[in-house]
C-alpha atoms as a PDB file:
ATOM      1  CA  UNK A   1     -16.580  85.986  71.238  1.00  0.00           C
ATOM      2  CA  UNK A   2     -14.946  82.572  71.692  1.00  0.00           C
ATOM      3  CA  UNK A   3     -16.584  79.965  73.951  1.00  0.00           C
ATOM      4  CA  UNK A   4     -15.157  76.773  75.458  1.00  0.00           C
ATOM      5  CA  UNK A   5     -17.313  73.947  76.673  1.00  0.00           C
ATOM      6  CA  UNK A   6     -16.483  71.395  79.322  1.00  0.00           C
ATOM      7  CA  UNK A   7     -14.604  68.361  78.028  1.00  0.00           C
ATOM      8  CA  UNK A   8     -12.701  65.417  79.403  1.00  0.00           C
ATOM      9  CA  UNK A   9      -9.482  66.572  77.714  1.00  0.00           C
ATOM     10  CA  UNK A  10      -6.285  66.978  79.710  1.00  0.00           C
ATOM     11  CA  UNK A  11      -5.331  70.540  80.787  1.00  0.00           C
ATOM     12  CA  UNK A  12      -2.577  70.602  78.159  1.00  0.00           C
ATOM     13  CA  UNK A  13      -5.260  70.576  75.444  1.00  0.00           C
ATOM     14  CA  UNK A  14      -6.964  73.575  76.978  1.00  0.00           C
ATOM     15  CA  UNK A  15      -3.756  75.610  77.135  1.00  0.00           C
ATOM     16  CA  UNK A  16      -2.848  74.676  73.556  1.00  0.00           C
ATOM     17  CA  UNK A  17      -6.280  75.788  72.372  1.00  0.00           C
ATOM     18  CA  UNK A  18      -6.011  79.016  74.367  1.00  0.00           C
ATOM     19  CA  UNK A  19      -2.556  79.702  72.927  1.00  0.00           C
ATOM     20  CA  UNK A  20      -3.804  79.225  69.370  1.00  0.00           C
ATOM     21  CA  UNK A  21      -6.753  81.497  70.056  1.00  0.00           C
ATOM     22  CA  UNK A  22      -4.500  84.285  71.348  1.00  0.00           C
ATOM     23  CA  UNK A  23      -2.059  83.793  68.447  1.00  0.00           C
ATOM     24  CA  UNK A  24      -4.706  84.121  65.716  1.00  0.00           C
ATOM     25  CA  UNK A  25      -6.515  86.936  67.540  1.00  0.00           C
ATOM     26  CA  UNK A  26      -3.373  89.082  67.605  1.00  0.00           C
ATOM     27  CA  UNK A  27      -2.082  88.158  64.194  1.00  0.00           C
ATOM     28  CA  UNK A  28      -1.895  91.082  61.747  1.00  0.00           C
ATOM     29  CA  UNK A  29      -1.031  89.174  58.593  1.00  0.00           C
ATOM     30  CA  UNK A  30      -3.915  88.491  56.192  1.00  0.00           C
ATOM     31  CA  UNK A  31      -6.003  85.383  56.742  1.00  0.00           C
ATOM     32  CA  UNK A  32      -8.066  83.960  53.903  1.00  0.00           C
ATOM     33  CA  UNK A  33     -10.600  81.288  54.838  1.00  0.00           C
ATOM     34  CA  UNK A  34     -11.825  80.539  51.310  1.00  0.00           C
ATOM     35  CA  UNK A  35     -11.301  81.821  47.750  1.00  0.00           C
ATOM     36  CA  UNK A  36     -14.732  83.484  47.785  1.00  0.00           C
ATOM     37  CA  UNK A  37     -14.134  85.489  50.933  1.00  0.00           C
ATOM     38  CA  UNK A  38     -12.146  88.722  51.323  1.00  0.00           C
ATOM     39  CA  UNK A  39      -8.610  88.741  52.660  1.00  0.00           C
ATOM     40  CA  UNK A  40      -8.804  90.353  56.120  1.00  0.00           C
ATOM     41  CA  UNK A  41      -6.400  92.953  57.499  1.00  0.00           C
ATOM     42  CA  UNK A  42      -6.238  94.566  60.916  1.00  0.00           C
ATOM     43  CA  UNK A  43      -5.914  98.126  59.596  1.00  0.00           C
ATOM     44  CA  UNK A  44      -5.504 100.157  56.411  1.00  0.00           C
ATOM     45  CA  UNK A  45      -1.734 100.257  56.897  1.00  0.00           C
ATOM     46  CA  UNK A  46      -1.398  96.457  56.943  1.00  0.00           C
ATOM     47  CA  UNK A  47      -2.845  95.753  53.479  1.00  0.00           C
ATOM     48  CA  UNK A  48      -0.809  93.458  51.255  1.00  0.00           C
ATOM     49  CA  UNK A  49      -2.774  92.599  48.115  1.00  0.00           C
ATOM     50  CA  UNK A  50      -3.125  88.996  46.999  1.00  0.00           C
ATOM     51  CA  UNK A  51      -3.931  89.460  43.323  1.00  0.00           C
ATOM     52  CA  UNK A  52      -5.935  86.739  41.627  1.00  0.00           C
ATOM     53  CA  UNK A  53      -6.054  86.360  37.828  1.00  0.00           C
ATOM     54  CA  UNK A  54      -9.393  87.484  36.434  1.00  0.00           C
ATOM     55  CA  UNK A  55      -8.615  87.722  32.716  1.00  0.00           C
ATOM     56  CA  UNK A  56      -5.566  88.124  30.510  1.00  0.00           C
ATOM     57  CA  UNK A  57      -4.127  91.459  31.638  1.00  0.00           C
ATOM     58  CA  UNK A  58      -6.494  91.926  34.597  1.00  0.00           C
ATOM     59  CA  UNK A  59      -6.036  90.828  38.226  1.00  0.00           C
ATOM     60  CA  UNK A  60      -8.641  91.023  41.000  1.00  0.00           C
ATOM     61  CA  UNK A  61      -8.409  91.521  44.765  1.00  0.00           C
ATOM     62  CA  UNK A  62     -11.110  91.508  47.447  1.00  0.00           C
ATOM     63  CA  UNK A  63     -10.117  92.820  50.857  1.00  0.00           C
ATOM     64  CA  UNK A  64     -11.610  93.633  54.231  1.00  0.00           C
ATOM     65  CA  UNK A  65     -10.311  95.906  56.990  1.00  0.00           C
ATOM     66  CA  UNK A  66     -11.276  95.073  60.559  1.00  0.00           C
ATOM     67  CA  UNK A  67     -10.681  98.486  62.157  1.00  0.00           C
ATOM     68  CA  UNK A  68     -12.477 100.510  60.960  1.00  0.00           C
ATOM     69  CA  UNK A  69     -14.810  98.030  59.261  1.00  0.00           C
ATOM     70  CA  UNK A  70     -14.402  98.411  55.528  1.00  0.00           C
ATOM     71  CA  UNK A  71     -14.794  96.080  52.558  1.00  0.00           C
ATOM     72  CA  UNK A  72     -13.198  96.857  49.211  1.00  0.00           C
ATOM     73  CA  UNK A  73     -12.613  95.405  45.740  1.00  0.00           C
ATOM     74  CA  UNK A  74      -9.840  96.295  43.307  1.00  0.00           C
ATOM     75  CA  UNK A  75      -8.580  95.580  39.809  1.00  0.00           C
ATOM     76  CA  UNK A  76      -4.999  95.752  38.569  1.00  0.00           C
ATOM     77  CA  UNK A  77      -4.975  96.343  34.809  1.00  0.00           C
ATOM     78  CA  UNK A  78      -1.814  95.889  32.763  1.00  0.00           C
ATOM     79  CA  UNK A  79      -1.842  98.812  30.340  1.00  0.00           C
ATOM     80  CA  UNK A  80       1.135  97.268  28.504  1.00  0.00           C
ATOM     81  CA  UNK A  81      -0.802  94.103  27.723  1.00  0.00           C
ATOM     82  CA  UNK A  82      -1.803  93.839  24.049  1.00  0.00           C
ATOM     83  CA  UNK A  83      -5.067  92.335  25.289  1.00  0.00           C
ATOM     84  CA  UNK A  84      -6.386  95.345  27.244  1.00  0.00           C
ATOM     85  CA  UNK A  85      -7.984  98.499  25.901  1.00  0.00           C
ATOM     86  CA  UNK A  86      -9.295 101.384  28.009  1.00  0.00           C
ATOM     87  CA  UNK A  87     -12.847 102.487  27.186  1.00  0.00           C
ATOM     88  CA  UNK A  88     -14.425 105.751  28.332  1.00  0.00           C
ATOM     89  CA  UNK A  89     -18.050 106.712  27.770  1.00  0.00           C
ATOM     90  CA  UNK A  90     -20.350 109.531  28.805  1.00  0.00           C
ATOM     91  CA  UNK A  91     -23.678 108.006  29.799  1.00  0.00           C
ATOM     92  CA  UNK A  92     -25.646 105.511  27.729  1.00  0.00           C
ATOM     93  CA  UNK A  93     -24.088 103.578  24.846  1.00  0.00           C
ATOM     94  CA  UNK A  94     -23.318 105.731  21.791  1.00  0.00           C
ATOM     95  CA  UNK A  95     -24.486 108.794  23.737  1.00  0.00           C
ATOM     96  CA  UNK A  96     -28.049 108.055  22.641  1.00  0.00           C
ATOM     97  CA  UNK A  97     -31.261 107.606  24.586  1.00  0.00           C
ATOM     98  CA  UNK A  98     -32.014 103.839  24.694  1.00  0.00           C
ATOM     99  CA  UNK A  99     -35.329 104.314  22.851  1.00  0.00           C
ATOM    100  CA  UNK A 100     -33.666 106.433  20.189  1.00  0.00           C
ATOM    101  CA  UNK A 101     -33.890 110.183  19.853  1.00  0.00           C
ATOM    102  CA  UNK A 102     -31.717 113.187  20.509  1.00  0.00           C
ATOM    103  CA  UNK A 103     -28.017 112.637  20.951  1.00  0.00           C
ATOM    104  CA  UNK A 104     -26.635 113.692  24.317  1.00  0.00           C
ATOM    105  CA  UNK A 105     -25.668 112.334  27.722  1.00  0.00           C
ATOM    106  CA  UNK A 106     -28.211 110.130  29.441  1.00  0.00           C
ATOM    107  CA  UNK A 107     -27.822 108.297  32.727  1.00  0.00           C
ATOM    108  CA  UNK A 108     -26.718 104.684  32.686  1.00  0.00           C
ATOM    109  CA  UNK A 109     -25.870 102.123  35.328  1.00  0.00           C
ATOM    110  CA  UNK A 110     -22.314 100.817  35.399  1.00  0.00           C
ATOM    111  CA  UNK A 111     -23.636  97.310  34.733  1.00  0.00           C
ATOM    112  CA  UNK A 112     -25.298  98.607  31.543  1.00  0.00           C
ATOM    113  CA  UNK A 113     -22.089 100.396  30.567  1.00  0.00           C
ATOM    114  CA  UNK A 114     -20.159  97.117  30.852  1.00  0.00           C
ATOM    115  CA  UNK A 115     -22.861  95.049  29.136  1.00  0.00           C
ATOM    116  CA  UNK A 116     -23.606  97.452  26.269  1.00  0.00           C
ATOM    117  CA  UNK A 117     -19.946  98.015  25.427  1.00  0.00           C
ATOM    118  CA  UNK A 118     -18.957  94.343  25.741  1.00  0.00           C
ATOM    119  CA  UNK A 119     -16.440  95.148  28.476  1.00  0.00           C
ATOM    120  CA  UNK A 120     -14.685  92.941  31.001  1.00  0.00           C
ATOM    121  CA  UNK A 121     -15.031  95.507  33.791  1.00  0.00           C
ATOM    122  CA  UNK A 122     -16.138  99.054  34.520  1.00  0.00           C
ATOM    123  CA  UNK A 123     -16.457 101.638  37.282  1.00  0.00           C
ATOM    124  CA  UNK A 124     -18.267 104.960  37.702  1.00  0.00           C
ATOM    125  CA  UNK A 125     -16.146 108.097  37.561  1.00  0.00           C
ATOM    126  CA  UNK A 126     -17.446 111.596  36.744  1.00  0.00           C
ATOM    127  CA  UNK A 127     -19.606 113.632  39.157  1.00  0.00           C
ATOM    128  CA  UNK A 128     -22.959 114.684  37.655  1.00  0.00           C
ATOM    129  CA  UNK A 129     -26.114 116.660  38.334  1.00  0.00           C
ATOM    130  CA  UNK A 130     -29.073 114.235  38.492  1.00  0.00           C
ATOM    131  CA  UNK A 131     -29.518 111.545  41.149  1.00  0.00           C
ATOM    132  CA  UNK A 132     -31.838 108.726  40.056  1.00  0.00           C
ATOM    133  CA  UNK A 133     -31.886 104.970  39.550  1.00  0.00           C
ATOM    134  CA  UNK A 134     -33.733 105.431  36.235  1.00  0.00           C
ATOM    135  CA  UNK A 135     -31.612 105.035  33.131  1.00  0.00           C
ATOM    136  CA  UNK A 136     -32.085 107.164  30.037  1.00  0.00           C
ATOM    137  CA  UNK A 137     -32.682 110.422  31.907  1.00  0.00           C
ATOM    138  CA  UNK A 138     -30.863 113.549  30.645  1.00  0.00           C
ATOM    139  CA  UNK A 139     -27.740 114.077  32.722  1.00  0.00           C
ATOM    140  CA  UNK A 140     -24.887 116.583  32.786  1.00  0.00           C
ATOM    141  CA  UNK A 141     -21.301 115.586  33.537  1.00  0.00           C
ATOM    142  CA  UNK A 142     -19.475 117.807  36.017  1.00  0.00           C
ATOM    143  CA  UNK A 143     -16.135 116.994  34.425  1.00  0.00           C
ATOM    144  CA  UNK A 144     -14.275 116.156  31.261  1.00  0.00           C
ATOM    145  CA  UNK A 145     -14.959 113.049  29.190  1.00  0.00           C
ATOM    146  CA  UNK A 146     -12.812 112.279  26.138  1.00  0.00           C
ATOM    147  CA  UNK A 147     -13.386 109.018  24.284  1.00  0.00           C
ATOM    148  CA  UNK A 148     -11.039 107.892  21.502  1.00  0.00           C
ATOM    149  CA  UNK A 149      -9.977 111.478  20.886  1.00  0.00           C
ATOM    150  CA  UNK A 150     -13.524 112.896  20.872  1.00  0.00           C
ATOM    151  CA  UNK A 151     -14.589 115.455  23.498  1.00  0.00           C
ATOM    152  CA  UNK A 152     -17.913 114.331  24.980  1.00  0.00           C
ATOM    153  CA  UNK A 153     -18.028 116.603  28.033  1.00  0.00           C
ATOM    154  CA  UNK A 154     -16.029 119.771  28.776  1.00  0.00           C
ATOM    155  CA  UNK A 155     -13.455 120.307  31.498  1.00  0.00           C
ATOM    156  CA  UNK A 156     -14.438 121.379  34.994  1.00  0.00           C
ATOM    157  CA  UNK A 157     -11.660 123.665  36.198  1.00  0.00           C
ATOM    158  CA  UNK A 158     -12.346 122.835  39.867  1.00  0.00           C
ATOM    159  CA  UNK A 159     -11.420 119.177  39.540  1.00  0.00           C
ATOM    160  CA  UNK A 160      -8.819 116.706  38.272  1.00  0.00           C
ATOM    161  CA  UNK A 161      -8.899 113.951  35.662  1.00  0.00           C
ATOM    162  CA  UNK A 162      -7.356 110.623  34.704  1.00  0.00           C
ATOM    163  CA  UNK A 163      -5.832 111.025  31.230  1.00  0.00           C
ATOM    164  CA  UNK A 164      -4.554 108.441  28.753  1.00  0.00           C
ATOM    165  CA  UNK A 165      -2.357 109.986  26.078  1.00  0.00           C
ATOM    166  CA  UNK A 166      -1.934 108.744  22.520  1.00  0.00           C
ATOM    167  CA  UNK A 167       1.761 108.024  23.174  1.00  0.00           C
ATOM    168  CA  UNK A 168       0.809 105.455  25.840  1.00  0.00           C
ATOM    169  CA  UNK A 169       1.329 107.613  28.933  1.00  0.00           C
ATOM    170  CA  UNK A 170      -1.251 107.832  31.706  1.00  0.00           C
ATOM    171  CA  UNK A 171      -1.427 110.652  34.246  1.00  0.00           C
ATOM    172  CA  UNK A 172      -3.642 112.455  36.724  1.00  0.00           C
ATOM    173  CA  UNK A 173      -3.817 116.151  35.858  1.00  0.00           C
ATOM    174  CA  UNK A 174      -5.736 119.283  36.699  1.00  0.00           C
ATOM    175  CA  UNK A 175      -8.603 119.611  34.242  1.00  0.00           C
ATOM    176  CA  UNK A 176      -7.700 123.272  33.895  1.00  0.00           C
ATOM    177  CA  UNK A 177      -4.407 122.158  32.302  1.00  0.00           C
ATOM    178  CA  UNK A 178      -6.219 120.399  29.425  1.00  0.00           C
ATOM    179  CA  UNK A 179      -6.000 123.109  26.763  1.00  0.00           C
ATOM    180  CA  UNK A 180      -6.108 120.763  23.775  1.00  0.00           C
ATOM    181  CA  UNK A 181      -7.300 117.202  23.179  1.00  0.00           C
ATOM    182  CA  UNK A 182      -4.972 116.629  20.240  1.00  0.00           C
ATOM    183  CA  UNK A 183      -2.607 114.347  22.177  1.00  0.00           C
ATOM    184  CA  UNK A 184      -5.286 112.679  24.340  1.00  0.00           C
ATOM    185  CA  UNK A 185      -6.835 109.306  23.549  1.00  0.00           C
ATOM    186  CA  UNK A 186      -9.122 108.968  26.591  1.00  0.00           C
ATOM    187  CA  UNK A 187      -9.783 111.080  29.665  1.00  0.00           C
ATOM    188  CA  UNK A 188     -12.272 110.834  32.503  1.00  0.00           C
ATOM    189  CA  UNK A 189     -12.926 113.451  35.157  1.00  0.00           C
ATOM    190  CA  UNK A 190     -13.254 112.853  38.871  1.00  0.00           C
ATOM    191  CA  UNK A 191     -12.946 115.001  41.963  1.00  0.00           C
ATOM    192  CA  UNK A 192      -9.428 115.594  43.302  1.00  0.00           C
ATOM    193  CA  UNK A 193      -6.065 113.857  43.271  1.00  0.00           C
ATOM    194  CA  UNK A 194      -5.731 112.098  46.620  1.00  0.00           C
ATOM    195  CA  UNK A 195      -2.421 110.270  46.086  1.00  0.00           C
ATOM    196  CA  UNK A 196       0.643 112.055  44.698  1.00  0.00           C
ATOM    197  CA  UNK A 197       4.104 110.555  44.400  1.00  0.00           C
ATOM    198  CA  UNK A 198       3.198 107.633  46.675  1.00  0.00           C
ATOM    199  CA  UNK A 199       1.945 109.915  49.477  1.00  0.00           C
ATOM    200  CA  UNK A 200      -1.580 110.848  50.504  1.00  0.00           C
ATOM    201  CA  UNK A 201      -2.296 114.373  49.269  1.00  0.00           C
ATOM    202  CA  UNK A 202      -2.343 117.116  51.886  1.00  0.00           C
ATOM    203  CA  UNK A 203      -6.034 117.808  51.215  1.00  0.00           C
ATOM    204  CA  UNK A 204      -6.939 114.361  52.602  1.00  0.00           C
ATOM    205  CA  UNK A 205      -5.442 114.891  56.056  1.00  0.00           C
ATOM    206  CA  UNK A 206      -8.339 116.735  57.685  1.00  0.00           C
ATOM    207  CA  UNK A 207     -11.252 115.226  55.770  1.00  0.00           C
ATOM    208  CA  UNK A 208     -12.960 112.764  58.090  1.00  0.00           C
ATOM    209  CA  UNK A 209     -16.256 112.219  56.238  1.00  0.00           C
ATOM    210  CA  UNK A 210     -16.934 108.592  55.310  1.00  0.00           C
ATOM    211  CA  UNK A 211     -18.675 107.467  52.147  1.00  0.00           C
ATOM    212  CA  UNK A 212     -18.667 104.640  49.653  1.00  0.00           C
ATOM    213  CA  UNK A 213     -15.714 105.439  47.390  1.00  0.00           C
ATOM    214  CA  UNK A 214     -14.709 104.876  43.784  1.00  0.00           C
ATOM    215  CA  UNK A 215     -11.125 105.700  42.841  1.00  0.00           C
ATOM    216  CA  UNK A 216      -8.330 104.989  40.391  1.00  0.00           C
ATOM    217  CA  UNK A 217      -4.559 104.914  40.593  1.00  0.00           C
ATOM    218  CA  UNK A 218      -1.527 104.593  38.344  1.00  0.00           C
ATOM    219  CA  UNK A 219       1.736 102.798  39.175  1.00  0.00           C
ATOM    220  CA  UNK A 220       4.988 104.778  39.270  1.00  0.00           C
ATOM    221  CA  UNK A 221       6.131 103.338  35.941  1.00  0.00           C
ATOM    222  CA  UNK A 222       2.732 103.946  34.343  1.00  0.00           C
ATOM    223  CA  UNK A 223       2.242 100.292  33.495  1.00  0.00           C
ATOM    224  CA  UNK A 224      -0.650  99.464  35.809  1.00  0.00           C
ATOM    225  CA  UNK A 225      -4.036 101.067  36.301  1.00  0.00           C
ATOM    226  CA  UNK A 226      -5.829 100.357  39.584  1.00  0.00           C
ATOM    227  CA  UNK A 227      -9.595 100.616  39.961  1.00  0.00           C
ATOM    228  CA  UNK A 228     -10.957 100.589  43.506  1.00  0.00           C
ATOM    229  CA  UNK A 229     -14.374 100.604  45.133  1.00  0.00           C
ATOM    230  CA  UNK A 230     -15.002 100.779  48.891  1.00  0.00           C
ATOM    231  CA  UNK A 231     -18.440  99.937  50.244  1.00  0.00           C
ATOM    232  CA  UNK A 232     -20.223 102.097  52.787  1.00  0.00           C
ATOM    233  CA  UNK A 233     -23.629 102.845  54.287  1.00  0.00           C
ATOM    234  CA  UNK A 234     -24.253  99.183  55.046  1.00  0.00           C
ATOM    235  CA  UNK A 235     -23.603  96.660  57.782  1.00  0.00           C
ATOM    236  CA  UNK A 236     -19.996  95.523  57.779  1.00  0.00           C
ATOM    237  CA  UNK A 237     -18.591  98.442  55.788  1.00  0.00           C
ATOM    238  CA  UNK A 238     -18.819 102.051  56.952  1.00  0.00           C
ATOM    239  CA  UNK A 239     -17.106 103.645  53.967  1.00  0.00           C
ATOM    240  CA  UNK A 240     -13.708 105.283  53.674  1.00  0.00           C
ATOM    241  CA  UNK A 241     -12.251 108.738  54.124  1.00  0.00           C
ATOM    242  CA  UNK A 242     -10.252 110.362  51.321  1.00  0.00           C
ATOM    243  CA  UNK A 243      -7.068 109.636  53.261  1.00  0.00           C
ATOM    244  CA  UNK A 244      -7.920 105.945  53.735  1.00  0.00           C
ATOM    245  CA  UNK A 245      -8.820 105.660  50.056  1.00  0.00           C
ATOM    246  CA  UNK A 246      -5.438 107.128  49.126  1.00  0.00           C
ATOM    247  CA  UNK A 247      -3.618 104.738  51.468  1.00  0.00           C
ATOM    248  CA  UNK A 248      -5.453 101.721  50.043  1.00  0.00           C
ATOM    249  CA  UNK A 249      -4.515 102.795  46.507  1.00  0.00           C
ATOM    250  CA  UNK A 250      -0.895 103.134  47.618  1.00  0.00           C
ATOM    251  CA  UNK A 251      -0.999  99.663  49.214  1.00  0.00           C
ATOM    252  CA  UNK A 252      -2.328  98.213  45.955  1.00  0.00           C
ATOM    253  CA  UNK A 253       0.682  99.585  44.068  1.00  0.00           C
ATOM    254  CA  UNK A 254      -0.441 103.041  42.931  1.00  0.00           C
ATOM    255  CA  UNK A 255       1.878 106.064  42.869  1.00  0.00           C
ATOM    256  CA  UNK A 256      -0.773 108.621  41.942  1.00  0.00           C
ATOM    257  CA  UNK A 257      -4.497 108.378  42.583  1.00  0.00           C
ATOM    258  CA  UNK A 258      -7.789 110.200  42.020  1.00  0.00           C
ATOM    259  CA  UNK A 259     -11.069 110.177  43.917  1.00  0.00           C
ATOM    260  CA  UNK A 260     -14.042 109.558  41.612  1.00  0.00           C
ATOM    261  CA  UNK A 261     -17.708 110.238  42.312  1.00  0.00           C
ATOM    262  CA  UNK A 262     -18.761 108.139  45.308  1.00  0.00           C
ATOM    263  CA  UNK A 263     -21.681 107.641  47.665  1.00  0.00           C
ATOM    264  CA  UNK A 264     -24.636 105.943  46.018  1.00  0.00           C
ATOM    265  CA  UNK A 265     -22.855 106.095  42.638  1.00  0.00           C
ATOM    266  CA  UNK A 266     -20.028 103.736  43.635  1.00  0.00           C
ATOM    267  CA  UNK A 267     -20.116 100.488  41.653  1.00  0.00           C
ATOM    268  CA  UNK A 268     -17.435  98.192  40.260  1.00  0.00           C
ATOM    269  CA  UNK A 269     -18.892  95.774  37.721  1.00  0.00           C
ATOM    270  CA  UNK A 270     -17.316  92.652  36.197  1.00  0.00           C
ATOM    271  CA  UNK A 271     -18.245  90.335  33.358  1.00  0.00           C
ATOM    272  CA  UNK A 272     -17.793  86.814  34.696  1.00  0.00           C
ATOM    273  CA  UNK A 273     -16.676  83.766  32.667  1.00  0.00           C
ATOM    274  CA  UNK A 274     -20.293  82.525  32.564  1.00  0.00           C
ATOM    275  CA  UNK A 275     -21.300  85.770  30.831  1.00  0.00           C
ATOM    276  CA  UNK A 276     -23.061  87.341  33.813  1.00  0.00           C
ATOM    277  CA  UNK A 277     -22.480  91.060  34.344  1.00  0.00           C
ATOM    278  CA  UNK A 278     -22.891  92.281  37.905  1.00  0.00           C
ATOM    279  CA  UNK A 279     -21.463  94.586  40.542  1.00  0.00           C
ATOM    280  CA  UNK A 280     -18.951  92.955  42.871  1.00  0.00           C
ATOM    281  CA  UNK A 281     -19.710  95.430  45.632  1.00  0.00           C
ATOM    282  CA  UNK A 282     -23.082  96.390  47.126  1.00  0.00           C
ATOM    283  CA  UNK A 283     -24.183  99.749  45.643  1.00  0.00           C
ATOM    284  CA  UNK A 284     -26.534 101.667  47.930  1.00  0.00           C
ATOM    285  CA  UNK A 285     -28.756 104.125  46.060  1.00  0.00           C
ATOM    286  CA  UNK A 286     -31.581 105.783  47.961  1.00  0.00           C
ATOM    287  CA  UNK A 287     -30.617 103.869  51.090  1.00  0.00           C
ATOM    288  CA  UNK A 288     -31.433 100.527  49.425  1.00  0.00           C
ATOM    289  CA  UNK A 289     -28.515  98.044  49.374  1.00  0.00           C
ATOM    290  CA  UNK A 290     -28.033  96.377  46.000  1.00  0.00           C
ATOM    291  CA  UNK A 291     -29.613  99.230  44.018  1.00  0.00           C
ATOM    292  CA  UNK A 292     -27.436 100.767  41.307  1.00  0.00           C
ATOM    293  CA  UNK A 293     -27.646 104.455  40.527  1.00  0.00           C
ATOM    294  CA  UNK A 294     -27.752 105.720  36.939  1.00  0.00           C
ATOM    295  CA  UNK A 295     -24.490 107.640  36.510  1.00  0.00           C
ATOM    296  CA  UNK A 296     -22.692 109.731  33.889  1.00  0.00           C
ATOM    297  CA  UNK A 297     -19.152 109.084  32.640  1.00  0.00           C
ATOM    298  CA  UNK A 298     -17.610 105.661  33.285  1.00  0.00           C
ATOM    299  CA  UNK A 299     -14.278 103.983  32.584  1.00  0.00           C
ATOM    300  CA  UNK A 300     -13.827 100.327  31.739  1.00  0.00           C
ATOM    301  CA  UNK A 301     -11.635  97.694  30.123  1.00  0.00           C
ATOM    302  CA  UNK A 302     -12.228  95.905  26.847  1.00  0.00           C
ATOM    303  CA  UNK A 303     -10.416  92.642  26.160  1.00  0.00           C
ATOM    304  CA  UNK A 304      -9.276  92.264  22.588  1.00  0.00           C
ATOM    305  CA  UNK A 305     -10.056  88.845  21.169  1.00  0.00           C
ATOM    306  CA  UNK A 306      -6.997  86.879  20.090  1.00  0.00           C
END
C-alpha cells in the first residue's frame, strides 16, 4: 500500500509522484534495491538472471518472484574452468561415522559436506530413507552415487541421475541406463528429469504440489552446471511446482534439468570469503525455519588452488 500525506506542493508534484508510482508498480523488468537483496520479477516467465561473481569459475544469483511468492538462489558453474572440480559424496566425509566405526552411509548436513570436503559450494541431491536432523545416523540412498569412479550407492531404476563422464561430458540419464561405471567419473541420483531440450518435461504439466526444491541443470553446450534451490514452507516463499522449477532452470540457462530431493532436505550452502560456511536459503526441517536436515548424497564444487 502506498500512502500520500498532505503537503504544500503544487498539483504538478502530486501527478508526477502518482505517475512514477504507477510506472514502477506495473514494471516487469527486474528491480534491485541493494546488492544484498534478491532481484525481483513479476512472474516465473520474466526471470532474467543477473549473475554475480562468487569465485573463479562460479557465479551466483539470488532472485524473487512476486506472483506466486517464491525466493530462490542459483549457482552457475563453469565446467570448462581449470579451477572447478565436481565433488560427489554419499553421506558423511569418507563414508565413515564421525566418531569412527563401520564404513557405510551416514546422514550429514549439506553445510558439513561443504566444510568437511573443503568445498566452495554444495547442495543436497539423492532421496533417502531416514528423516532426521541428527548427523551420523545410518542412512540409505534411494539412488545412484558414484564418486571419482567408485560406486557408493546402487542405481534406482525408477529415477534419473546427473552424470559426469570421464571424457568431460555431462548429462541427465535414466538410472536404468547405467549398466557400467567404467566411463563415469561422478554421478548423483535425483528424482526425475524436469527439463528436456529447453522445454519443461511433460510429467511436470499436471503436478501442482508445492515444496522447497533442489535441482540442477546443464547448458545446451554442456559447459555450465546450474544448481538451484527454491525456498518453501515459510513466509515470503511458498515453494515451487516441478513445472516452475523447470522454467526457472531454463531461464537460468539450462537445457536439461533434474529435480533433486526437496522439502525439508533442500539446502544450498556456500563457503564465503571470510571462511564461514552456511546455507544461503532457509532450510525448514521439522517445521522449524533455519534447521538443516541430515541428508544422503550431495554434490558440490571444489576450487583448485592456483
